[in-house]
Amino acid sequence: MLEDRLKQAGADYTAGLPLKSKVVVDRNVYTGQNPGSSAALARRIIDDLSGKE
């Protein structure tokens, strides 16, 4: 599984609840857990680029 390979490579892998939105940001890498995370991910990118907290 991809999760196992990432962990073996030293990645800090986190997962949310199945079918729920989850966004993770690590410096300049933004990722969402699934397609249901797209709105939250877009909002986070927009807020970060505009300087909002």
C-alpha atoms as a PDB file:
ATOM      1  CA  MET A   1       0.000   0.000   0.000  1.00  0.00           C
ATOM      2  CA  LEU A   2       1.112   3.541  -0.662  1.00  0.00           C
ATOM      3  CA  GLU A   3       0.706   4.430   3.030  1.00  0.00           C
ATOM      4  CA  ASP A   4       3.143   1.681   4.037  1.00  0.00           C
ATOM      5  CA  ARG A   5       5.684   2.686   1.403  1.00  0.00           C
ATOM      6  CA  LEU A   6       5.536   6.333   2.466  1.00  0.00           C
ATOM      7  CA  LYS A   7       6.081   5.416   6.108  1.00  0.00           C
ATOM      8  CA  GLN A   8       8.987   3.127   5.186  1.00  0.00           C
ATOM      9  CA  ALA A   9      10.558   6.034   3.307  1.00  0.00           C
ATOM     10  CA  GLY A  10      10.299   8.223   6.420  1.00  0.00           C
ATOM     11  CA  ALA A  11       7.215  10.247   5.511  1.00  0.00           C
ATOM     12  CA  ASP A  12       5.014  11.655   8.250  1.00  0.00           C
ATOM     13  CA  TYR A  13       1.748  10.123   7.039  1.00  0.00           C
ATOM     14  CA  THR A  14      -1.601  11.093   8.551  1.00  0.00           C
ATOM     15  CA  ALA A  15      -5.084  10.018   7.568  1.00  0.00           C
ATOM     16  CA  GLY A  16      -8.510  11.269   8.465  1.00  0.00           C
ATOM     17  CA  LEU A  17     -11.762   9.425   8.761  1.00  0.00           C
ATOM     18  CA  PRO A  18     -12.868   7.596   5.607  1.00  0.00           C
ATOM     19  CA  LEU A  19     -14.848   9.758   3.168  1.00  0.00           C
ATOM     20  CA  LYS A  20     -14.299  12.888   5.301  1.00  0.00           C
ATOM     21  CA  SER A  21     -12.459  16.037   4.296  1.00  0.00           C
ATOM     22  CA  LYS A  22      -8.863  16.376   5.507  1.00  0.00           C
ATOM     23  CA  VAL A  23      -6.267  18.910   4.392  1.00  0.00           C
ATOM     24  CA  VAL A  24      -2.590  18.754   5.311  1.00  0.00           C
ATOM     25  CA  VAL A  25      -0.026  21.499   4.679  1.00  0.00           C
ATOM     26  CA  ASP A  26       3.728  21.029   5.002  1.00  0.00           C
ATOM     27  CA  ARG A  27       5.530  24.221   4.040  1.00  0.00           C
ATOM     28  CA  ASN A  28       4.695  24.581   0.341  1.00  0.00           C
ATOM     29  CA  VAL A  29       3.034  21.172  -0.149  1.00  0.00           C
ATOM     30  CA  TYR A  30      -0.751  21.165   0.102  1.00  0.00           C
ATOM     31  CA  THR A  31      -2.740  17.959  -0.128  1.00  0.00           C
ATOM     32  CA  GLY A  32      -6.256  16.699   0.419  1.00  0.00           C
ATOM     33  CA  GLN A  33      -7.271  13.214   1.482  1.00  0.00           C
ATOM     34  CA  ASN A  34      -9.880  12.671  -1.213  1.00  0.00           C
ATOM     35  CA  PRO A  35     -12.053  14.532  -3.751  1.00  0.00           C
ATOM     36  CA  GLY A  36     -14.318  15.610  -0.888  1.00  0.00           C
ATOM     37  CA  SER A  37     -11.394  17.667   0.429  1.00  0.00           C
ATOM     38  CA  SER A  38     -11.149  19.842  -2.688  1.00  0.00           C
ATOM     39  CA  ALA A  39     -13.238  22.757  -1.378  1.00  0.00           C
ATOM     40  CA  ALA A  40     -11.377  22.870   1.948  1.00  0.00           C
ATOM     41  CA  LEU A  41      -8.043  22.550   0.147  1.00  0.00           C
ATOM     42  CA  ALA A  42      -8.876  25.380  -2.252  1.00  0.00           C
ATOM     43  CA  ARG A  43     -10.022  27.592   0.641  1.00  0.00           C
ATOM     44  CA  ARG A  44      -6.775  26.892   2.551  1.00  0.00           C
ATOM     45  CA  ILE A  45      -4.621  27.786  -0.448  1.00  0.00           C
ATOM     46  CA  ILE A  46      -6.572  30.972  -1.104  1.00  0.00           C
ATOM     47  CA  ASP A  47      -6.402  31.994   2.573  1.00  0.00           C
ATOM     48  CA  ASP A  48      -2.663  31.315   2.752  1.00  0.00           C
ATOM     49  CA  LEU A  49      -1.953  33.243  -0.438  1.00  0.00           C
ATOM     50  CA  SER A  50      -4.036  36.188   0.744  1.00  0.00           C
ATOM     51  CA  GLY A  51      -2.358  36.226   4.166  1.00  0.00           C
ATOM     52  CA  LYS A  52      -5.483  35.263   6.121  1.00  0.00           C
ATOM     53  CA  GLU A  53      -5.188  33.059   9.195  1.00  0.00           C
END
